[in-house]
Amino acid sequence: MTFGIFIFYFILFFIFFITSRKKGEKINYKTIIIIPAILAFFLFLLSVVKIYFIYKILLVIISFILILLTYWHWGDEIMKWFKK
């Protein structure tokens, strides 16, 4: 059951990333596979770990802030990695 949650979210994000690209744009498989897998794993952890709802919201907010700060600092290197 728990692995099914991960697969469900992975397929959902995979479809979202496939359909959100522009027509004729080259498919970057790193973006199409890695980012949905990370997001699906994060939502999988939130659904499996038995903690109070408010702590899940705080975890999402703190994670978003950390990702945003990381992108501001390492944004150019991250974009170069995804362009390869």
C-alpha atoms as a PDB file:
ATOM      1  CA  MET A   1       0.000   0.000   0.000  1.00  0.00           C
ATOM      2  CA  THR A   2       2.740   2.475   0.896  1.00  0.00           C
ATOM      3  CA  PHE A   3       4.668   1.822  -2.316  1.00  0.00           C
ATOM      4  CA  GLY A   4       1.414   2.350  -4.204  1.00  0.00           C
ATOM      5  CA  ILE A   5       1.179   5.870  -2.751  1.00  0.00           C
ATOM      6  CA  PHE A   6       4.631   6.657  -4.122  1.00  0.00           C
ATOM      7  CA  ILE A   7       3.764   5.218  -7.548  1.00  0.00           C
ATOM      8  CA  PHE A   8       0.494   7.182  -7.650  1.00  0.00           C
ATOM      9  CA  TYR A   9       2.189  10.502  -6.905  1.00  0.00           C
ATOM     10  CA  PHE A  10       5.077   9.717  -9.268  1.00  0.00           C
ATOM     11  CA  ILE A  11       2.717   9.010 -12.160  1.00  0.00           C
ATOM     12  CA  LEU A  12       0.698  12.138 -11.323  1.00  0.00           C
ATOM     13  CA  PHE A  13       3.778  14.387 -11.332  1.00  0.00           C
ATOM     14  CA  PHE A  14       5.229  12.596 -14.362  1.00  0.00           C
ATOM     15  CA  ILE A  15       2.096  13.353 -16.377  1.00  0.00           C
ATOM     16  CA  PHE A  16       2.126  16.937 -15.112  1.00  0.00           C
ATOM     17  CA  PHE A  17       5.743  17.472 -16.203  1.00  0.00           C
ATOM     18  CA  ILE A  18       5.195  15.814 -19.597  1.00  0.00           C
ATOM     19  CA  THR A  19       2.131  17.901 -20.404  1.00  0.00           C
ATOM     20  CA  SER A  20       3.551  21.193 -19.104  1.00  0.00           C
ATOM     21  CA  ARG A  21       6.362  21.430 -21.655  1.00  0.00           C
ATOM     22  CA  LYS A  22       6.048  23.460 -24.831  1.00  0.00           C
ATOM     23  CA  LYS A  23       5.218  21.803 -28.139  1.00  0.00           C
ATOM     24  CA  GLY A  24       8.334  20.771 -30.014  1.00  0.00           C
ATOM     25  CA  GLU A  25      10.571  21.321 -27.006  1.00  0.00           C
ATOM     26  CA  LYS A  26      13.306  18.744 -26.469  1.00  0.00           C
ATOM     27  CA  ILE A  27      12.524  16.346 -23.618  1.00  0.00           C
ATOM     28  CA  ASN A  28      15.017  16.581 -20.764  1.00  0.00           C
ATOM     29  CA  TYR A  29      14.849  13.169 -19.094  1.00  0.00           C
ATOM     30  CA  LYS A  30      16.566  14.399 -15.936  1.00  0.00           C
ATOM     31  CA  THR A  31      13.730  16.836 -15.347  1.00  0.00           C
ATOM     32  CA  ILE A  32      11.025  14.392 -16.379  1.00  0.00           C
ATOM     33  CA  ILE A  33      12.211  11.582 -14.077  1.00  0.00           C
ATOM     34  CA  ILE A  34      14.136  13.080 -11.147  1.00  0.00           C
ATOM     35  CA  ILE A  35      11.893  15.981 -10.103  1.00  0.00           C
ATOM     36  CA  PRO A  36       8.640  13.942 -10.076  1.00  0.00           C
ATOM     37  CA  ALA A  37      10.453  11.211  -8.132  1.00  0.00           C
ATOM     38  CA  ILE A  38      11.640  13.684  -5.491  1.00  0.00           C
ATOM     39  CA  LEU A  39       8.210  15.307  -5.200  1.00  0.00           C
ATOM     40  CA  ALA A  40       6.489  11.913  -5.035  1.00  0.00           C
ATOM     41  CA  PHE A  41       8.904  10.746  -2.338  1.00  0.00           C
ATOM     42  CA  PHE A  42       8.262  13.921  -0.332  1.00  0.00           C
ATOM     43  CA  LEU A  43       4.472  13.465  -0.514  1.00  0.00           C
ATOM     44  CA  PHE A  44       4.900   9.768   0.220  1.00  0.00           C
ATOM     45  CA  LEU A  45       6.764  10.641   3.424  1.00  0.00           C
ATOM     46  CA  LEU A  46       4.092  13.136   4.406  1.00  0.00           C
ATOM     47  CA  SER A  47       1.360  10.549   3.946  1.00  0.00           C
ATOM     48  CA  VAL A  48       3.161   7.689   5.697  1.00  0.00           C
ATOM     49  CA  VAL A  49       4.685   9.473   8.685  1.00  0.00           C
ATOM     50  CA  LYS A  50       2.094   9.726  11.428  1.00  0.00           C
ATOM     51  CA  ILE A  51       2.503  13.268  12.752  1.00  0.00           C
ATOM     52  CA  TYR A  52       0.080  16.078  13.366  1.00  0.00           C
ATOM     53  CA  PHE A  53      -1.187  17.983  10.347  1.00  0.00           C
ATOM     54  CA  ILE A  54       0.277  21.314  11.502  1.00  0.00           C
ATOM     55  CA  TYR A  55       3.770  19.771  11.606  1.00  0.00           C
ATOM     56  CA  LYS A  56       3.335  18.557   8.048  1.00  0.00           C
ATOM     57  CA  ILE A  57       2.454  22.091   6.958  1.00  0.00           C
ATOM     58  CA  LEU A  58       5.477  23.478   8.797  1.00  0.00           C
ATOM     59  CA  LEU A  59       7.672  20.835   7.162  1.00  0.00           C
ATOM     60  CA  VAL A  60       6.415  21.863   3.718  1.00  0.00           C
ATOM     61  CA  ILE A  61       7.020  25.560   4.430  1.00  0.00           C
ATOM     62  CA  ILE A  62      10.531  24.992   5.799  1.00  0.00           C
ATOM     63  CA  SER A  63      11.387  22.725   2.867  1.00  0.00           C
ATOM     64  CA  PHE A  64      10.136  25.334   0.401  1.00  0.00           C
ATOM     65  CA  ILE A  65      12.246  28.049   2.053  1.00  0.00           C
ATOM     66  CA  LEU A  66      15.348  25.843   2.000  1.00  0.00           C
ATOM     67  CA  ILE A  67      14.828  24.966  -1.664  1.00  0.00           C
ATOM     68  CA  LEU A  68      14.292  28.630  -2.521  1.00  0.00           C
ATOM     69  CA  LEU A  69      17.474  29.701  -0.695  1.00  0.00           C
ATOM     70  CA  THR A  70      19.419  26.907  -2.371  1.00  0.00           C
ATOM     71  CA  TYR A  71      18.153  27.995  -5.771  1.00  0.00           C
ATOM     72  CA  TRP A  72      19.094  31.619  -5.102  1.00  0.00           C
ATOM     73  CA  HIS A  73      22.612  30.596  -4.137  1.00  0.00           C
ATOM     74  CA  TRP A  74      23.266  27.766  -6.608  1.00  0.00           C
ATOM     75  CA  GLY A  75      20.743  28.669  -9.345  1.00  0.00           C
ATOM     76  CA  ASP A  76      23.249  28.980 -12.183  1.00  0.00           C
ATOM     77  CA  GLU A  77      24.896  25.646 -11.403  1.00  0.00           C
ATOM     78  CA  ILE A  78      21.531  23.930 -11.067  1.00  0.00           C
ATOM     79  CA  MET A  79      20.369  25.305 -14.421  1.00  0.00           C
ATOM     80  CA  LYS A  80      23.634  24.184 -16.084  1.00  0.00           C
ATOM     81  CA  TRP A  81      23.107  20.685 -14.684  1.00  0.00           C
ATOM     82  CA  PHE A  82      19.579  20.480 -16.075  1.00  0.00           C
ATOM     83  CA  LYS A  83      20.645  21.892 -19.475  1.00  0.00           C
ATOM     84  CA  LYS A  84      23.107  19.041 -20.086  1.00  0.00           C
END
